[in-house]
mmCIF file of all heavy atoms, coordinates in Angstrom:
data_MODEL
# 
_entry.id   MODEL 
# 
loop_
_atom_site.group_PDB 
_atom_site.id 
_atom_site.type_symbol 
_atom_site.label_atom_id 
_atom_site.label_alt_id 
_atom_site.label_comp_id 
_atom_site.label_asym_id 
_atom_site.label_entity_id 
_atom_site.label_seq_id 
_atom_site.pdbx_PDB_ins_code 
_atom_site.Cartn_x 
_atom_site.Cartn_y 
_atom_site.Cartn_z 
_atom_site.occupancy 
_atom_site.B_iso_or_equiv 
_atom_site.pdbx_formal_charge 
_atom_site.auth_seq_id 
_atom_site.auth_comp_id 
_atom_site.auth_asym_id 
_atom_site.auth_atom_id 
_atom_site.pdbx_PDB_model_num 
ATOM 1   N N   . MET A 1 1  ? 0.846  -1.199 0.000  1.00 0.00 ? 1  MET A N   1 
ATOM 2   C CA  . MET A 1 1  ? 0.000  0.000  0.000  1.00 0.00 ? 1  MET A CA  1 
ATOM 3   C C   . MET A 1 1  ? 0.878  1.244  0.000  1.00 0.00 ? 1  MET A C   1 
ATOM 4   O O   . MET A 1 1  ? 1.860  1.308  0.734  1.00 0.00 ? 1  MET A O   1 
ATOM 5   C CB  . MET A 1 1  ? -0.924 -0.020 1.219  1.00 0.00 ? 1  MET A CB  1 
ATOM 6   C CG  . MET A 1 1  ? -1.920 1.118  1.248  1.00 0.00 ? 1  MET A CG  1 
ATOM 7   S SD  . MET A 1 1  ? -3.092 0.923  2.607  1.00 0.00 ? 1  MET A SD  1 
ATOM 8   C CE  . MET A 1 1  ? -4.043 2.408  2.396  1.00 0.00 ? 1  MET A CE  1 
ATOM 9   N N   . LYS A 1 2  ? 0.483  2.250  -0.819 1.00 0.00 ? 2  LYS A N   1 
ATOM 10  C CA  . LYS A 1 2  ? 1.255  3.479  -0.921 1.00 0.00 ? 2  LYS A CA  1 
ATOM 11  C C   . LYS A 1 2  ? 0.484  4.646  -0.322 1.00 0.00 ? 2  LYS A C   1 
ATOM 12  O O   . LYS A 1 2  ? -0.744 4.622  -0.230 1.00 0.00 ? 2  LYS A O   1 
ATOM 13  C CB  . LYS A 1 2  ? 1.572  3.794  -2.376 1.00 0.00 ? 2  LYS A CB  1 
ATOM 14  C CG  . LYS A 1 2  ? 2.508  2.790  -3.029 1.00 0.00 ? 2  LYS A CG  1 
ATOM 15  C CD  . LYS A 1 2  ? 2.847  3.214  -4.433 1.00 0.00 ? 2  LYS A CD  1 
ATOM 16  C CE  . LYS A 1 2  ? 3.819  2.236  -5.083 1.00 0.00 ? 2  LYS A CE  1 
ATOM 17  N NZ  . LYS A 1 2  ? 4.196  2.648  -6.438 1.00 0.00 ? 2  LYS A NZ  1 
ATOM 18  N N   . CYS A 1 3  ? 1.244  5.645  0.051  1.00 0.00 ? 3  CYS A N   1 
ATOM 19  C CA  . CYS A 1 3  ? 0.647  6.857  0.618  1.00 0.00 ? 3  CYS A CA  1 
ATOM 20  C C   . CYS A 1 3  ? -0.134 7.578  -0.470 1.00 0.00 ? 3  CYS A C   1 
ATOM 21  O O   . CYS A 1 3  ? 0.379  7.792  -1.573 1.00 0.00 ? 3  CYS A O   1 
ATOM 22  C CB  . CYS A 1 3  ? 1.730  7.765  1.196  1.00 0.00 ? 3  CYS A CB  1 
ATOM 23  S SG  . CYS A 1 3  ? 1.073  9.342  1.800  1.00 0.00 ? 3  CYS A SG  1 
ATOM 24  N N   . LYS A 1 4  ? -1.351 7.959  -0.183 1.00 0.00 ? 4  LYS A N   1 
ATOM 25  C CA  . LYS A 1 4  ? -2.200 8.632  -1.151 1.00 0.00 ? 4  LYS A CA  1 
ATOM 26  C C   . LYS A 1 4  ? -1.728 10.065 -1.416 1.00 0.00 ? 4  LYS A C   1 
ATOM 27  O O   . LYS A 1 4  ? -2.046 10.645 -2.436 1.00 0.00 ? 4  LYS A O   1 
ATOM 28  C CB  . LYS A 1 4  ? -3.650 8.685  -0.637 1.00 0.00 ? 4  LYS A CB  1 
ATOM 29  C CG  . LYS A 1 4  ? -4.306 7.332  -0.510 1.00 0.00 ? 4  LYS A CG  1 
ATOM 30  C CD  . LYS A 1 4  ? -4.560 6.752  -1.890 1.00 0.00 ? 4  LYS A CD  1 
ATOM 31  C CE  . LYS A 1 4  ? -5.311 5.434  -1.783 1.00 0.00 ? 4  LYS A CE  1 
ATOM 32  N NZ  . LYS A 1 4  ? -5.551 4.864  -3.115 1.00 0.00 ? 4  LYS A NZ  1 
ATOM 33  N N   . LYS A 1 5  ? -0.936 10.590 -0.480 1.00 0.00 ? 5  LYS A N   1 
ATOM 34  C CA  . LYS A 1 5  ? -0.536 11.992 -0.591 1.00 0.00 ? 5  LYS A CA  1 
ATOM 35  C C   . LYS A 1 5  ? 0.778  12.169 -1.317 1.00 0.00 ? 5  LYS A C   1 
ATOM 36  O O   . LYS A 1 5  ? 0.906  12.980 -2.232 1.00 0.00 ? 5  LYS A O   1 
ATOM 37  C CB  . LYS A 1 5  ? -0.463 12.604 0.809  1.00 0.00 ? 5  LYS A CB  1 
ATOM 38  C CG  . LYS A 1 5  ? -0.287 14.112 0.823  1.00 0.00 ? 5  LYS A CG  1 
ATOM 39  C CD  . LYS A 1 5  ? -0.398 14.654 2.228  1.00 0.00 ? 5  LYS A CD  1 
ATOM 40  C CE  . LYS A 1 5  ? -0.280 16.183 2.231  1.00 0.00 ? 5  LYS A CE  1 
ATOM 41  N NZ  . LYS A 1 5  ? -0.362 16.757 3.597  1.00 0.00 ? 5  LYS A NZ  1 
ATOM 42  N N   . CYS A 1 6  ? 1.800  11.384 -0.893 1.00 0.00 ? 6  CYS A N   1 
ATOM 43  C CA  . CYS A 1 6  ? 3.128  11.567 -1.482 1.00 0.00 ? 6  CYS A CA  1 
ATOM 44  C C   . CYS A 1 6  ? 3.620  10.363 -2.267 1.00 0.00 ? 6  CYS A C   1 
ATOM 45  O O   . CYS A 1 6  ? 4.650  10.427 -2.918 1.00 0.00 ? 6  CYS A O   1 
ATOM 46  C CB  . CYS A 1 6  ? 4.137  11.947 -0.401 1.00 0.00 ? 6  CYS A CB  1 
ATOM 47  S SG  . CYS A 1 6  ? 4.465  10.598 0.775  1.00 0.00 ? 6  CYS A SG  1 
ATOM 48  N N   . GLY A 1 7  ? 2.916  9.228  -2.162 1.00 0.00 ? 7  GLY A N   1 
ATOM 49  C CA  . GLY A 1 7  ? 3.299  8.039  -2.919 1.00 0.00 ? 7  GLY A CA  1 
ATOM 50  C C   . GLY A 1 7  ? 4.329  7.183  -2.242 1.00 0.00 ? 7  GLY A C   1 
ATOM 51  O O   . GLY A 1 7  ? 4.821  6.215  -2.825 1.00 0.00 ? 7  GLY A O   1 
ATOM 52  N N   . CYS A 1 8  ? 4.685  7.494  -1.010 1.00 0.00 ? 8  CYS A N   1 
ATOM 53  C CA  . CYS A 1 8  ? 5.673  6.687  -0.277 1.00 0.00 ? 8  CYS A CA  1 
ATOM 54  C C   . CYS A 1 8  ? 5.122  5.302  -0.034 1.00 0.00 ? 8  CYS A C   1 
ATOM 55  O O   . CYS A 1 8  ? 3.960  5.125  0.331  1.00 0.00 ? 8  CYS A O   1 
ATOM 56  C CB  . CYS A 1 8  ? 6.005  7.376  1.062  1.00 0.00 ? 8  CYS A CB  1 
ATOM 57  S SG  . CYS A 1 8  ? 7.163  6.420  2.075  1.00 0.00 ? 8  CYS A SG  1 
ATOM 58  N N   . ASP A 1 9  ? 5.997  4.291  -0.270 1.00 0.00 ? 9  ASP A N   1 
ATOM 59  C CA  . ASP A 1 9  ? 5.530  2.913  -0.082 1.00 0.00 ? 9  ASP A CA  1 
ATOM 60  C C   . ASP A 1 9  ? 6.105  2.281  1.193  1.00 0.00 ? 9  ASP A C   1 
ATOM 61  O O   . ASP A 1 9  ? 6.048  1.066  1.358  1.00 0.00 ? 9  ASP A O   1 
ATOM 62  C CB  . ASP A 1 9  ? 5.899  2.073  -1.303 1.00 0.00 ? 9  ASP A CB  1 
ATOM 63  C CG  . ASP A 1 9  ? 7.398  2.068  -1.560 1.00 0.00 ? 9  ASP A CG  1 
ATOM 64  O OD1 . ASP A 1 9  ? 8.121  2.732  -0.821 1.00 0.00 ? 9  ASP A OD1 1 
ATOM 65  O OD2 . ASP A 1 9  ? 7.824  1.385  -2.523 1.00 0.00 ? 9  ASP A OD2 1 
ATOM 66  N N   . ALA A 1 10 ? 6.634  3.101  2.122  1.00 0.00 ? 10 ALA A N   1 
ATOM 67  C CA  . ALA A 1 10 ? 7.182  2.585  3.393  1.00 0.00 ? 10 ALA A CA  1 
ATOM 68  C C   . ALA A 1 10 ? 6.278  3.012  4.556  1.00 0.00 ? 10 ALA A C   1 
ATOM 69  O O   . ALA A 1 10 ? 6.719  3.590  5.556  1.00 0.00 ? 10 ALA A O   1 
ATOM 70  C CB  . ALA A 1 10 ? 8.594  3.097  3.604  1.00 0.00 ? 10 ALA A CB  1 
ATOM 71  N N   . LEU A 1 11 ? 4.985  2.749  4.408  1.00 0.00 ? 11 LEU A N   1 
ATOM 72  C CA  . LEU A 1 11 ? 4.032  3.145  5.449  1.00 0.00 ? 11 LEU A CA  1 
ATOM 73  C C   . LEU A 1 11 ? 4.224  2.316  6.721  1.00 0.00 ? 11 LEU A C   1 
ATOM 74  O O   . LEU A 1 11 ? 4.573  1.139  6.667  1.00 0.00 ? 11 LEU A O   1 
ATOM 75  C CB  . LEU A 1 11 ? 2.607  2.984  4.930  1.00 0.00 ? 11 LEU A CB  1 
ATOM 76  C CG  . LEU A 1 11 ? 2.258  3.776  3.661  1.00 0.00 ? 11 LEU A CG  1 
ATOM 77  C CD1 . LEU A 1 11 ? 0.796  3.543  3.271  1.00 0.00 ? 11 LEU A CD1 1 
ATOM 78  C CD2 . LEU A 1 11 ? 2.524  5.260  3.841  1.00 0.00 ? 11 LEU A CD2 1 
ATOM 79  N N   . ILE A 1 12 ? 3.951  2.967  7.863  1.00 0.00 ? 12 ILE A N   1 
ATOM 80  C CA  . ILE A 1 12 ? 4.073  2.285  9.165  1.00 0.00 ? 12 ILE A CA  1 
ATOM 81  C C   . ILE A 1 12 ? 2.677  1.934  9.630  1.00 0.00 ? 12 ILE A C   1 
ATOM 82  O O   . ILE A 1 12 ? 1.803  2.798  9.762  1.00 0.00 ? 12 ILE A O   1 
ATOM 83  C CB  . ILE A 1 12 ? 4.758  3.198  10.208 1.00 0.00 ? 12 ILE A CB  1 
ATOM 84  C CG1 . ILE A 1 12 ? 6.159  3.555  9.702  1.00 0.00 ? 12 ILE A CG1 1 
ATOM 85  C CG2 . ILE A 1 12 ? 4.819  2.526  11.558 1.00 0.00 ? 12 ILE A CG2 1 
ATOM 86  C CD1 . ILE A 1 12 ? 6.848  4.592  10.553 1.00 0.00 ? 12 ILE A CD1 1 
ATOM 87  N N   . LYS A 1 13 ? 2.448  0.616  9.874  1.00 0.00 ? 13 LYS A N   1 
ATOM 88  C CA  . LYS A 1 13 ? 1.114  0.145  10.254 1.00 0.00 ? 13 LYS A CA  1 
ATOM 89  C C   . LYS A 1 13 ? 0.989  0.092  11.768 1.00 0.00 ? 13 LYS A C   1 
ATOM 90  O O   . LYS A 1 13 ? 1.841  -0.442 12.454 1.00 0.00 ? 13 LYS A O   1 
ATOM 91  C CB  . LYS A 1 13 ? 0.854  -1.240 9.670  1.00 0.00 ? 13 LYS A CB  1 
ATOM 92  C CG  . LYS A 1 13 ? -0.570 -1.744 9.852  1.00 0.00 ? 13 LYS A CG  1 
ATOM 93  C CD  . LYS A 1 13 ? -0.736 -3.072 9.113  1.00 0.00 ? 13 LYS A CD  1 
ATOM 94  C CE  . LYS A 1 13 ? -2.181 -3.531 9.123  1.00 0.00 ? 13 LYS A CE  1 
ATOM 95  N NZ  . LYS A 1 13 ? -2.875 -3.427 10.361 1.00 0.00 ? 13 LYS A NZ  1 
ATOM 96  N N   . THR A 1 14 ? -0.115 0.654  12.261 1.00 0.00 ? 14 THR A N   1 
ATOM 97  C CA  . THR A 1 14 ? -0.444 0.587  13.691 1.00 0.00 ? 14 THR A CA  1 
ATOM 98  C C   . THR A 1 14 ? -1.918 0.231  13.790 1.00 0.00 ? 14 THR A C   1 
ATOM 99  O O   . THR A 1 14 ? -2.784 1.041  13.419 1.00 0.00 ? 14 THR A O   1 
ATOM 100 C CB  . THR A 1 14 ? -0.191 1.936  14.393 1.00 0.00 ? 14 THR A CB  1 
ATOM 101 O OG1 . THR A 1 14 ? 1.163  2.316  14.184 1.00 0.00 ? 14 THR A OG1 1 
ATOM 102 C CG2 . THR A 1 14 ? -0.489 1.826  15.873 1.00 0.00 ? 14 THR A CG2 1 
ATOM 103 N N   . ASP A 1 15 ? -2.194 -0.990 14.261 1.00 0.00 ? 15 ASP A N   1 
ATOM 104 C CA  . ASP A 1 15 ? -3.573 -1.505 14.313 1.00 0.00 ? 15 ASP A CA  1 
ATOM 105 C C   . ASP A 1 15 ? -4.192 -1.410 12.919 1.00 0.00 ? 15 ASP A C   1 
ATOM 106 O O   . ASP A 1 15 ? -3.680 -1.984 11.997 1.00 0.00 ? 15 ASP A O   1 
ATOM 107 C CB  . ASP A 1 15 ? -4.404 -0.745 15.355 1.00 0.00 ? 15 ASP A CB  1 
ATOM 108 C CG  . ASP A 1 15 ? -3.853 -0.977 16.783 1.00 0.00 ? 15 ASP A CG  1 
ATOM 109 O OD1 . ASP A 1 15 ? -3.341 -2.084 17.021 1.00 0.00 ? 15 ASP A OD1 1 
ATOM 110 O OD2 . ASP A 1 15 ? -3.934 -0.050 17.604 1.00 0.00 ? 15 ASP A OD2 1 
ATOM 111 N N   . ASP A 1 16 ? -5.274 -0.610 12.824 1.00 0.00 ? 16 ASP A N   1 
ATOM 112 C CA  . ASP A 1 16 ? -5.981 -0.492 11.545 1.00 0.00 ? 16 ASP A CA  1 
ATOM 113 C C   . ASP A 1 16 ? -5.546 0.729  10.760 1.00 0.00 ? 16 ASP A C   1 
ATOM 114 O O   . ASP A 1 16 ? -6.189 1.133  9.795  1.00 0.00 ? 16 ASP A O   1 
ATOM 115 C CB  . ASP A 1 16 ? -7.503 -0.408 11.774 1.00 0.00 ? 16 ASP A CB  1 
ATOM 116 C CG  . ASP A 1 16 ? -8.037 -1.668 12.440 1.00 0.00 ? 16 ASP A CG  1 
ATOM 117 O OD1 . ASP A 1 16 ? -7.407 -2.714 12.247 1.00 0.00 ? 16 ASP A OD1 1 
ATOM 118 O OD2 . ASP A 1 16 ? -9.099 -1.592 13.093 1.00 0.00 ? 16 ASP A OD2 1 
ATOM 119 N N   . TRP A 1 17 ? -4.419 1.365  11.225 1.00 0.00 ? 17 TRP A N   1 
ATOM 120 C CA  . TRP A 1 17 ? -3.994 2.605  10.590 1.00 0.00 ? 17 TRP A CA  1 
ATOM 121 C C   . TRP A 1 17 ? -2.640 2.442  9.928  1.00 0.00 ? 17 TRP A C   1 
ATOM 122 O O   . TRP A 1 17 ? -1.823 1.630  10.329 1.00 0.00 ? 17 TRP A O   1 
ATOM 123 C CB  . TRP A 1 17 ? -3.895 3.732  11.636 1.00 0.00 ? 17 TRP A CB  1 
ATOM 124 C CG  . TRP A 1 17 ? -5.216 4.075  12.264 1.00 0.00 ? 17 TRP A CG  1 
ATOM 125 C CD1 . TRP A 1 17 ? -5.801 3.456  13.327 1.00 0.00 ? 17 TRP A CD1 1 
ATOM 126 C CD2 . TRP A 1 17 ? -6.063 5.105  11.845 1.00 0.00 ? 17 TRP A CD2 1 
ATOM 127 N NE1 . TRP A 1 17 ? -6.981 4.019  13.625 1.00 0.00 ? 17 TRP A NE1 1 
ATOM 128 C CE2 . TRP A 1 17 ? -7.190 5.072  12.699 1.00 0.00 ? 17 TRP A CE2 1 
ATOM 129 C CE3 . TRP A 1 17 ? -6.011 6.085  10.845 1.00 0.00 ? 17 TRP A CE3 1 
ATOM 130 C CZ2 . TRP A 1 17 ? -8.248 5.959  12.590 1.00 0.00 ? 17 TRP A CZ2 1 
ATOM 131 C CZ3 . TRP A 1 17 ? -7.059 6.962  10.752 1.00 0.00 ? 17 TRP A CZ3 1 
ATOM 132 C CH2 . TRP A 1 17 ? -8.179 6.900  11.607 1.00 0.00 ? 17 TRP A CH2 1 
ATOM 133 N N   . TYR A 1 18 ? -2.422 3.274  8.940  1.00 0.00 ? 18 TYR A N   1 
ATOM 134 C CA  . TYR A 1 18 ? -1.111 3.409  8.318  1.00 0.00 ? 18 TYR A CA  1 
ATOM 135 C C   . TYR A 1 18 ? -0.697 4.861  8.470  1.00 0.00 ? 18 TYR A C   1 
ATOM 136 O O   . TYR A 1 18 ? -1.518 5.774  8.316  1.00 0.00 ? 18 TYR A O   1 
ATOM 137 C CB  . TYR A 1 18 ? -1.157 3.062  6.826  1.00 0.00 ? 18 TYR A CB  1 
ATOM 138 C CG  . TYR A 1 18 ? -1.130 1.581  6.540  1.00 0.00 ? 18 TYR A CG  1 
ATOM 139 C CD1 . TYR A 1 18 ? -2.295 0.890  6.207  1.00 0.00 ? 18 TYR A CD1 1 
ATOM 140 C CD2 . TYR A 1 18 ? 0.081  0.879  6.593  1.00 0.00 ? 18 TYR A CD2 1 
ATOM 141 C CE1 . TYR A 1 18 ? -2.271 -0.464 5.933  1.00 0.00 ? 18 TYR A CE1 1 
ATOM 142 C CE2 . TYR A 1 18 ? 0.111  -0.487 6.308  1.00 0.00 ? 18 TYR A CE2 1 
ATOM 143 C CZ  . TYR A 1 18 ? -1.054 -1.160 5.990  1.00 0.00 ? 18 TYR A CZ  1 
ATOM 144 O OH  . TYR A 1 18 ? -1.017 -2.498 5.731  1.00 0.00 ? 18 TYR A OH  1 
ATOM 145 N N   . LYS A 1 19 ? 0.623  5.049  8.758  1.00 0.00 ? 19 LYS A N   1 
ATOM 146 C CA  . LYS A 1 19 ? 1.143  6.407  8.858  1.00 0.00 ? 19 LYS A CA  1 
ATOM 147 C C   . LYS A 1 19 ? 2.331  6.539  7.931  1.00 0.00 ? 19 LYS A C   1 
ATOM 148 O O   . LYS A 1 19 ? 3.188  5.665  7.867  1.00 0.00 ? 19 LYS A O   1 
ATOM 149 C CB  . LYS A 1 19 ? 1.571  6.721  10.298 1.00 0.00 ? 19 LYS A CB  1 
ATOM 150 C CG  . LYS A 1 19 ? 2.034  8.163  10.471 1.00 0.00 ? 19 LYS A CG  1 
ATOM 151 C CD  . LYS A 1 19 ? 2.330  8.471  11.931 1.00 0.00 ? 19 LYS A CD  1 
ATOM 152 C CE  . LYS A 1 19 ? 2.759  9.918  12.093 1.00 0.00 ? 19 LYS A CE  1 
ATOM 153 N NZ  . LYS A 1 19 ? 3.072  10.257 13.509 1.00 0.00 ? 19 LYS A NZ  1 
ATOM 154 N N   . CYS A 1 20 ? 2.350  7.652  7.181  1.00 0.00 ? 20 CYS A N   1 
ATOM 155 C CA  . CYS A 1 20 ? 3.437  7.888  6.234  1.00 0.00 ? 20 CYS A CA  1 
ATOM 156 C C   . CYS A 1 20 ? 4.591  8.568  6.951  1.00 0.00 ? 20 CYS A C   1 
ATOM 157 O O   . CYS A 1 20 ? 4.407  9.646  7.528  1.00 0.00 ? 20 CYS A O   1 
ATOM 158 C CB  . CYS A 1 20 ? 2.962  8.757  5.070  1.00 0.00 ? 20 CYS A CB  1 
ATOM 159 S SG  . CYS A 1 20 ? 4.278  9.108  3.878  1.00 0.00 ? 20 CYS A SG  1 
ATOM 160 N N   . PRO A 1 21 ? 5.812  7.967  6.945  1.00 0.00 ? 21 PRO A N   1 
ATOM 161 C CA  . PRO A 1 21 ? 6.963  8.581  7.607  1.00 0.00 ? 21 PRO A CA  1 
ATOM 162 C C   . PRO A 1 21 ? 7.480  9.814  6.871  1.00 0.00 ? 21 PRO A C   1 
ATOM 163 O O   . PRO A 1 21 ? 8.215  10.610 7.427  1.00 0.00 ? 21 PRO A O   1 
ATOM 164 C CB  . PRO A 1 21 ? 7.993  7.450  7.611  1.00 0.00 ? 21 PRO A CB  1 
ATOM 165 C CG  . PRO A 1 21 ? 7.633  6.614  6.436  1.00 0.00 ? 21 PRO A CG  1 
ATOM 166 C CD  . PRO A 1 21 ? 6.151  6.668  6.340  1.00 0.00 ? 21 PRO A CD  1 
ATOM 167 N N   . GLU A 1 22 ? 7.074  9.992  5.595  1.00 0.00 ? 22 GLU A N   1 
ATOM 168 C CA  . GLU A 1 22 ? 7.575  11.111 4.804  1.00 0.00 ? 22 GLU A CA  1 
ATOM 169 C C   . GLU A 1 22 ? 6.758  12.384 5.032  1.00 0.00 ? 22 GLU A C   1 
ATOM 170 O O   . GLU A 1 22 ? 7.289  13.453 5.313  1.00 0.00 ? 22 GLU A O   1 
ATOM 171 C CB  . GLU A 1 22 ? 7.569  10.753 3.309  1.00 0.00 ? 22 GLU A CB  1 
ATOM 172 C CG  . GLU A 1 22 ? 8.488  9.600  2.947  1.00 0.00 ? 22 GLU A CG  1 
ATOM 173 C CD  . GLU A 1 22 ? 9.945  9.961  3.086  1.00 0.00 ? 22 GLU A CD  1 
ATOM 174 O OE1 . GLU A 1 22 ? 10.286 11.170 3.019  1.00 0.00 ? 22 GLU A OE1 1 
ATOM 175 O OE2 . GLU A 1 22 ? 10.749 9.042  3.274  1.00 0.00 ? 22 GLU A OE2 1 
ATOM 176 N N   . CYS A 1 23 ? 5.412  12.252 4.874  1.00 0.00 ? 23 CYS A N   1 
ATOM 177 C CA  . CYS A 1 23 ? 4.567  13.447 4.973  1.00 0.00 ? 23 CYS A CA  1 
ATOM 178 C C   . CYS A 1 23 ? 3.666  13.457 6.190  1.00 0.00 ? 23 CYS A C   1 
ATOM 179 O O   . CYS A 1 23 ? 2.985  14.443 6.457  1.00 0.00 ? 23 CYS A O   1 
ATOM 180 C CB  . CYS A 1 23 ? 3.736  13.588 3.709  1.00 0.00 ? 23 CYS A CB  1 
ATOM 181 S SG  . CYS A 1 23 ? 2.554  12.235 3.489  1.00 0.00 ? 23 CYS A SG  1 
ATOM 182 N N   . GLY A 1 24 ? 3.646  12.325 6.945  1.00 0.00 ? 24 GLY A N   1 
ATOM 183 C CA  . GLY A 1 24 ? 2.849  12.261 8.160  1.00 0.00 ? 24 GLY A CA  1 
ATOM 184 C C   . GLY A 1 24 ? 1.382  11.966 7.924  1.00 0.00 ? 24 GLY A C   1 
ATOM 185 O O   . GLY A 1 24 ? 0.586  12.015 8.869  1.00 0.00 ? 24 GLY A O   1 
ATOM 186 N N   . ALA A 1 25 ? 0.964  11.677 6.686  1.00 0.00 ? 25 ALA A N   1 
ATOM 187 C CA  . ALA A 1 25 ? -0.438 11.374 6.405  1.00 0.00 ? 25 ALA A CA  1 
ATOM 188 C C   . ALA A 1 25 ? -0.849 10.084 7.095  1.00 0.00 ? 25 ALA A C   1 
ATOM 189 O O   . ALA A 1 25 ? -0.057 9.147  7.236  1.00 0.00 ? 25 ALA A O   1 
ATOM 190 C CB  . ALA A 1 25 ? -0.657 11.239 4.903  1.00 0.00 ? 25 ALA A CB  1 
ATOM 191 N N   . VAL A 1 26 ? -2.113 10.047 7.545  1.00 0.00 ? 26 VAL A N   1 
ATOM 192 C CA  . VAL A 1 26 ? -2.661 8.876  8.239  1.00 0.00 ? 26 VAL A CA  1 
ATOM 193 C C   . VAL A 1 26 ? -3.863 8.387  7.421  1.00 0.00 ? 26 VAL A C   1 
ATOM 194 O O   . VAL A 1 26 ? -4.697 9.175  6.987  1.00 0.00 ? 26 VAL A O   1 
ATOM 195 C CB  . VAL A 1 26 ? -3.098 9.238  9.673  1.00 0.00 ? 26 VAL A CB  1 
ATOM 196 C CG1 . VAL A 1 26 ? -3.718 8.020  10.346 1.00 0.00 ? 26 VAL A CG1 1 
ATOM 197 C CG2 . VAL A 1 26 ? -1.915 9.729  10.478 1.00 0.00 ? 26 VAL A CG2 1 
# 
């Protein structure tokens, strides 16, 4: 899964959430 905002594919998963380490999008 990629970040919808910046396209980063190194999202950090926490429970049912993903957080983008690049732009901080959740």
